[in-house]
Amino acid sequence: MKALIKRFKADEDGATAIEYGLIAALIAVAIIAAVRAVGTSLSTTFNSIDAAI
């Protein structure tokens, strides 16, 4: 039983998967923020062009 508990405590596969999931979520949030910023800027540019035409 002690060997099973030691092996369970040493197993870090689940923690690694969670860390990768958190990293992927942070990257997704950064991409969404960048796309929104570029989208707003692009929308302003197109509206300026539309007004000029």
PDB file of N, CA and C in Angstrom:
ATOM      1  N   MET A   1       0.826  -1.198   0.000  1.00  0.00           N
ATOM      2  CA  MET A   1       0.000   0.000   0.000  1.00  0.00           C
ATOM      3  C   MET A   1       0.871   1.262   0.000  1.00  0.00           C
ATOM      4  N   LYS A   2       1.979   1.227   0.769  1.00  0.00           N
ATOM      5  CA  LYS A   2       2.866   2.386   0.810  1.00  0.00           C
ATOM      6  C   LYS A   2       3.490   2.650  -0.555  1.00  0.00           C
ATOM      7  N   ALA A   3       3.797   1.574  -1.264  1.00  0.00           N
ATOM      8  CA  ALA A   3       4.386   1.734  -2.598  1.00  0.00           C
ATOM      9  C   ALA A   3       3.387   2.401  -3.545  1.00  0.00           C
ATOM     10  N   LEU A   4       2.130   2.045  -3.420  1.00  0.00           N
ATOM     11  CA  LEU A   4       1.094   2.638  -4.259  1.00  0.00           C
ATOM     12  C   LEU A   4       0.948   4.128  -3.969  1.00  0.00           C
ATOM     13  N   ILE A   5       0.992   4.505  -2.719  1.00  0.00           N
ATOM     14  CA  ILE A   5       0.872   5.920  -2.332  1.00  0.00           C
ATOM     15  C   ILE A   5       2.082   6.703  -2.817  1.00  0.00           C
ATOM     16  N   LYS A   6       3.286   6.123  -2.674  1.00  0.00           N
ATOM     17  CA  LYS A   6       4.502   6.798  -3.154  1.00  0.00           C
ATOM     18  C   LYS A   6       4.445   7.003  -4.666  1.00  0.00           C
ATOM     19  N   ARG A   7       3.997   5.968  -5.373  1.00  0.00           N
ATOM     20  CA  ARG A   7       3.896   6.073  -6.831  1.00  0.00           C
ATOM     21  C   ARG A   7       2.867   7.128  -7.230  1.00  0.00           C
ATOM     22  N   PHE A   8       1.764   7.191  -6.505  1.00  0.00           N
ATOM     23  CA  PHE A   8       0.731   8.181  -6.793  1.00  0.00           C
ATOM     24  C   PHE A   8       1.247   9.594  -6.566  1.00  0.00           C
ATOM     25  N   LYS A   9       1.997   9.800  -5.493  1.00  0.00           N
ATOM     26  CA  LYS A   9       2.539  11.124  -5.191  1.00  0.00           C
ATOM     27  C   LYS A   9       3.593  11.549  -6.206  1.00  0.00           C
ATOM     28  N   ALA A  10       4.340  10.588  -6.755  1.00  0.00           N
ATOM     29  CA  ALA A  10       5.403  10.897  -7.707  1.00  0.00           C
ATOM     30  C   ALA A  10       4.860  11.119  -9.112  1.00  0.00           C
ATOM     31  N   ASP A  11       3.630  10.661  -9.384  1.00  0.00           N
ATOM     32  CA  ASP A  11       3.048  10.789 -10.729  1.00  0.00           C
ATOM     33  C   ASP A  11       2.634  12.232 -10.975  1.00  0.00           C
ATOM     34  N   GLU A  12       3.238  12.870 -11.979  1.00  0.00           N
ATOM     35  CA  GLU A  12       2.942  14.265 -12.286  1.00  0.00           C
ATOM     36  C   GLU A  12       2.309  14.442 -13.658  1.00  0.00           C
ATOM     37  N   ASP A  13       1.808  13.378 -14.262  1.00  0.00           N
ATOM     38  CA  ASP A  13       1.207  13.486 -15.594  1.00  0.00           C
ATOM     39  C   ASP A  13      -0.020  14.389 -15.592  1.00  0.00           C
ATOM     40  N   GLY A  14      -0.860  14.273 -14.574  1.00  0.00           N
ATOM     41  CA  GLY A  14      -2.053  15.107 -14.502  1.00  0.00           C
ATOM     42  C   GLY A  14      -1.706  16.574 -14.333  1.00  0.00           C
ATOM     43  N   ALA A  15      -0.711  16.853 -13.503  1.00  0.00           N
ATOM     44  CA  ALA A  15      -0.288  18.238 -13.290  1.00  0.00           C
ATOM     45  C   ALA A  15       0.273  18.830 -14.575  1.00  0.00           C
ATOM     46  N   THR A  16       1.020  18.037 -15.317  1.00  0.00           N
ATOM     47  CA  THR A  16       1.578  18.514 -16.579  1.00  0.00           C
ATOM     48  C   THR A  16       0.463  18.834 -17.573  1.00  0.00           C
ATOM     49  N   ALA A  17      -0.538  17.983 -17.639  1.00  0.00           N
ATOM     50  CA  ALA A  17      -1.658  18.218 -18.546  1.00  0.00           C
ATOM     51  C   ALA A  17      -2.395  19.501 -18.167  1.00  0.00           C
ATOM     52  N   ILE A  18      -2.580  19.728 -16.889  1.00  0.00           N
ATOM     53  CA  ILE A  18      -3.258  20.944 -16.442  1.00  0.00           C
ATOM     54  C   ILE A  18      -2.432  22.169 -16.799  1.00  0.00           C
ATOM     55  N   GLU A  19      -1.116  22.083 -16.617  1.00  0.00           N
ATOM     56  CA  GLU A  19      -0.253  23.215 -16.968  1.00  0.00           C
ATOM     57  C   GLU A  19      -0.333  23.524 -18.454  1.00  0.00           C
ATOM     58  N   TYR A  20      -0.304  22.490 -19.289  1.00  0.00           N
ATOM     59  CA  TYR A  20      -0.431  22.708 -20.732  1.00  0.00           C
ATOM     60  C   TYR A  20      -1.784  23.329 -21.073  1.00  0.00           C
ATOM     61  N   GLY A  21      -2.824  22.901 -20.387  1.00  0.00           N
ATOM     62  CA  GLY A  21      -4.151  23.474 -20.614  1.00  0.00           C
ATOM     63  C   GLY A  21      -4.195  24.946 -20.248  1.00  0.00           C
ATOM     64  N   LEU A  22      -3.567  25.304 -19.134  1.00  0.00           N
ATOM     65  CA  LEU A  22      -3.535  26.716 -18.719  1.00  0.00           C
ATOM     66  C   LEU A  22      -2.727  27.558 -19.706  1.00  0.00           C
ATOM     67  N   ILE A  23      -1.615  27.022 -20.180  1.00  0.00           N
ATOM     68  CA  ILE A  23      -0.812  27.752 -21.162  1.00  0.00           C
ATOM     69  C   ILE A  23      -1.612  27.962 -22.444  1.00  0.00           C
ATOM     70  N   ALA A  24      -2.315  26.928 -22.898  1.00  0.00           N
ATOM     71  CA  ALA A  24      -3.131  27.045 -24.109  1.00  0.00           C
ATOM     72  C   ALA A  24      -4.238  28.086 -23.920  1.00  0.00           C
ATOM     73  N   ALA A  25      -4.846  28.122 -22.744  1.00  0.00           N
ATOM     74  CA  ALA A  25      -5.902  29.100 -22.463  1.00  0.00           C
ATOM     75  C   ALA A  25      -5.338  30.521 -22.481  1.00  0.00           C
ATOM     76  N   LEU A  26      -4.160  30.721 -21.892  1.00  0.00           N
ATOM     77  CA  LEU A  26      -3.550  32.056 -21.897  1.00  0.00           C
ATOM     78  C   LEU A  26      -3.188  32.505 -23.316  1.00  0.00           C
ATOM     79  N   ILE A  27      -2.696  31.583 -24.119  1.00  0.00           N
ATOM     80  CA  ILE A  27      -2.381  31.920 -25.509  1.00  0.00           C
ATOM     81  C   ILE A  27      -3.653  32.288 -26.256  1.00  0.00           C
ATOM     82  N   ALA A  28      -4.734  31.551 -26.015  1.00  0.00           N
ATOM     83  CA  ALA A  28      -6.007  31.855 -26.670  1.00  0.00           C
ATOM     84  C   ALA A  28      -6.514  33.239 -26.278  1.00  0.00           C
ATOM     85  N   VAL A  29      -6.394  33.587 -25.003  1.00  0.00           N
ATOM     86  CA  VAL A  29      -6.827  34.912 -24.546  1.00  0.00           C
ATOM     87  C   VAL A  29      -5.986  36.006 -25.210  1.00  0.00           C
ATOM     88  N   ALA A  30      -4.684  35.782 -25.330  1.00  0.00           N
ATOM     89  CA  ALA A  30      -3.812  36.762 -25.977  1.00  0.00           C
ATOM     90  C   ALA A  30      -4.175  36.931 -27.452  1.00  0.00           C
ATOM     91  N   ILE A  31      -4.473  35.830 -28.124  1.00  0.00           N
ATOM     92  CA  ILE A  31      -4.859  35.907 -29.539  1.00  0.00           C
ATOM     93  C   ILE A  31      -6.179  36.652 -29.692  1.00  0.00           C
ATOM     94  N   ILE A  32      -7.132  36.370 -28.837  1.00  0.00           N
ATOM     95  CA  ILE A  32      -8.430  37.052 -28.913  1.00  0.00           C
ATOM     96  C   ILE A  32      -8.257  38.549 -28.690  1.00  0.00           C
ATOM     97  N   ALA A  33      -7.438  38.919 -27.718  1.00  0.00           N
ATOM     98  CA  ALA A  33      -7.204  40.346 -27.450  1.00  0.00           C
ATOM     99  C   ALA A  33      -6.536  41.017 -28.643  1.00  0.00           C
ATOM    100  N   ALA A  34      -5.566  40.356 -29.261  1.00  0.00           N
ATOM    101  CA  ALA A  34      -4.876  40.928 -30.414  1.00  0.00           C
ATOM    102  C   ALA A  34      -5.821  41.079 -31.604  1.00  0.00           C
ATOM    103  N   VAL A  35      -6.646  40.079 -31.838  1.00  0.00           N
ATOM    104  CA  VAL A  35      -7.591  40.137 -32.961  1.00  0.00           C
ATOM    105  C   VAL A  35      -8.609  41.247 -32.752  1.00  0.00           C
ATOM    106  N   ARG A  36      -9.066  41.406 -31.514  1.00  0.00           N
ATOM    107  CA  ARG A  36     -10.024  42.488 -31.234  1.00  0.00           C
ATOM    108  C   ARG A  36      -9.392  43.853 -31.468  1.00  0.00           C
ATOM    109  N   ALA A  37      -8.147  44.023 -31.027  1.00  0.00           N
ATOM    110  CA  ALA A  37      -7.460  45.305 -31.202  1.00  0.00           C
ATOM    111  C   ALA A  37      -7.256  45.610 -32.684  1.00  0.00           C
ATOM    112  N   VAL A  38      -6.825  44.622 -33.433  1.00  0.00           N
ATOM    113  CA  VAL A  38      -6.613  44.819 -34.876  1.00  0.00           C
ATOM    114  C   VAL A  38      -7.945  45.034 -35.572  1.00  0.00           C
ATOM    115  N   GLY A  39      -8.971  44.326 -35.133  1.00  0.00           N
ATOM    116  CA  GLY A  39     -10.295  44.473 -35.742  1.00  0.00           C
ATOM    117  C   GLY A  39     -10.845  45.875 -35.548  1.00  0.00           C
ATOM    118  N   THR A  40     -10.694  46.422 -34.357  1.00  0.00           N
ATOM    119  CA  THR A  40     -11.165  47.779 -34.086  1.00  0.00           C
ATOM    120  C   THR A  40     -10.395  48.790 -34.927  1.00  0.00           C
ATOM    121  N   SER A  41      -9.097  48.628 -35.001  1.00  0.00           N
ATOM    122  CA  SER A  41      -8.264  49.527 -35.800  1.00  0.00           C
ATOM    123  C   SER A  41      -8.628  49.428 -37.274  1.00  0.00           C
ATOM    124  N   LEU A  42      -8.816  48.218 -37.736  1.00  0.00           N
ATOM    125  CA  LEU A  42      -9.166  48.012 -39.142  1.00  0.00           C
ATOM    126  C   LEU A  42     -10.542  48.594 -39.455  1.00  0.00           C
ATOM    127  N   SER A  43     -11.468  48.452 -38.542  1.00  0.00           N
ATOM    128  CA  SER A  43     -12.801  49.002 -38.731  1.00  0.00           C
ATOM    129  C   SER A  43     -12.742  50.526 -38.828  1.00  0.00           C
ATOM    130  N   THR A  44     -11.935  51.147 -37.986  1.00  0.00           N
ATOM    131  CA  THR A  44     -11.775  52.601 -38.023  1.00  0.00           C
ATOM    132  C   THR A  44     -11.173  53.043 -39.353  1.00  0.00           C
ATOM    133  N   THR A  45     -10.191  52.303 -39.819  1.00  0.00           N
ATOM    134  CA  THR A  45      -9.550  52.622 -41.098  1.00  0.00           C
ATOM    135  C   THR A  45     -10.550  52.528 -42.239  1.00  0.00           C
ATOM    136  N   PHE A  46     -11.332  51.455 -42.273  1.00  0.00           N
ATOM    137  CA  PHE A  46     -12.320  51.303 -43.339  1.00  0.00           C
ATOM    138  C   PHE A  46     -13.404  52.382 -43.267  1.00  0.00           C
ATOM    139  N   ASN A  47     -13.799  52.759 -42.062  1.00  0.00           N
ATOM    140  CA  ASN A  47     -14.797  53.824 -41.928  1.00  0.00           C
ATOM    141  C   ASN A  47     -14.240  55.159 -42.428  1.00  0.00           C
ATOM    142  N   SER A  48     -12.952  55.410 -42.190  1.00  0.00           N
ATOM    143  CA  SER A  48     -12.327  56.626 -42.692  1.00  0.00           C
ATOM    144  C   SER A  48     -12.287  56.627 -44.221  1.00  0.00           C
ATOM    145  N   ILE A  49     -11.937  55.499 -44.788  1.00  0.00           N
ATOM    146  CA  ILE A  49     -11.908  55.369 -46.257  1.00  0.00           C
ATOM    147  C   ILE A  49     -13.307  55.538 -46.825  1.00  0.00           C
ATOM    148  N   ASP A  50     -14.289  54.933 -46.160  1.00  0.00           N
ATOM    149  CA  ASP A  50     -15.669  55.053 -46.626  1.00  0.00           C
ATOM    150  C   ASP A  50     -16.131  56.507 -46.587  1.00  0.00           C
ATOM    151  N   ALA A  51     -15.787  57.220 -45.540  1.00  0.00           N
ATOM    152  CA  ALA A  51     -16.183  58.633 -45.432  1.00  0.00           C
ATOM    153  C   ALA A  51     -15.483  59.477 -46.493  1.00  0.00           C
ATOM    154  N   ALA A  52     -14.238  59.136 -46.811  1.00  0.00           N
ATOM    155  CA  ALA A  52     -13.502  59.891 -47.806  1.00  0.00           C
ATOM    156  C   ALA A  52     -14.057  59.678 -49.217  1.00  0.00           C
ATOM    157  N   ILE A  53     -14.578  58.504 -49.456  1.00  0.00           N
ATOM    158  CA  ILE A  53     -15.120  58.194 -50.782  1.00  0.00           C
ATOM    159  C   ILE A  53     -16.482  58.825 -50.893  1.00  0.00           C
TER     160      ILE A  53
END
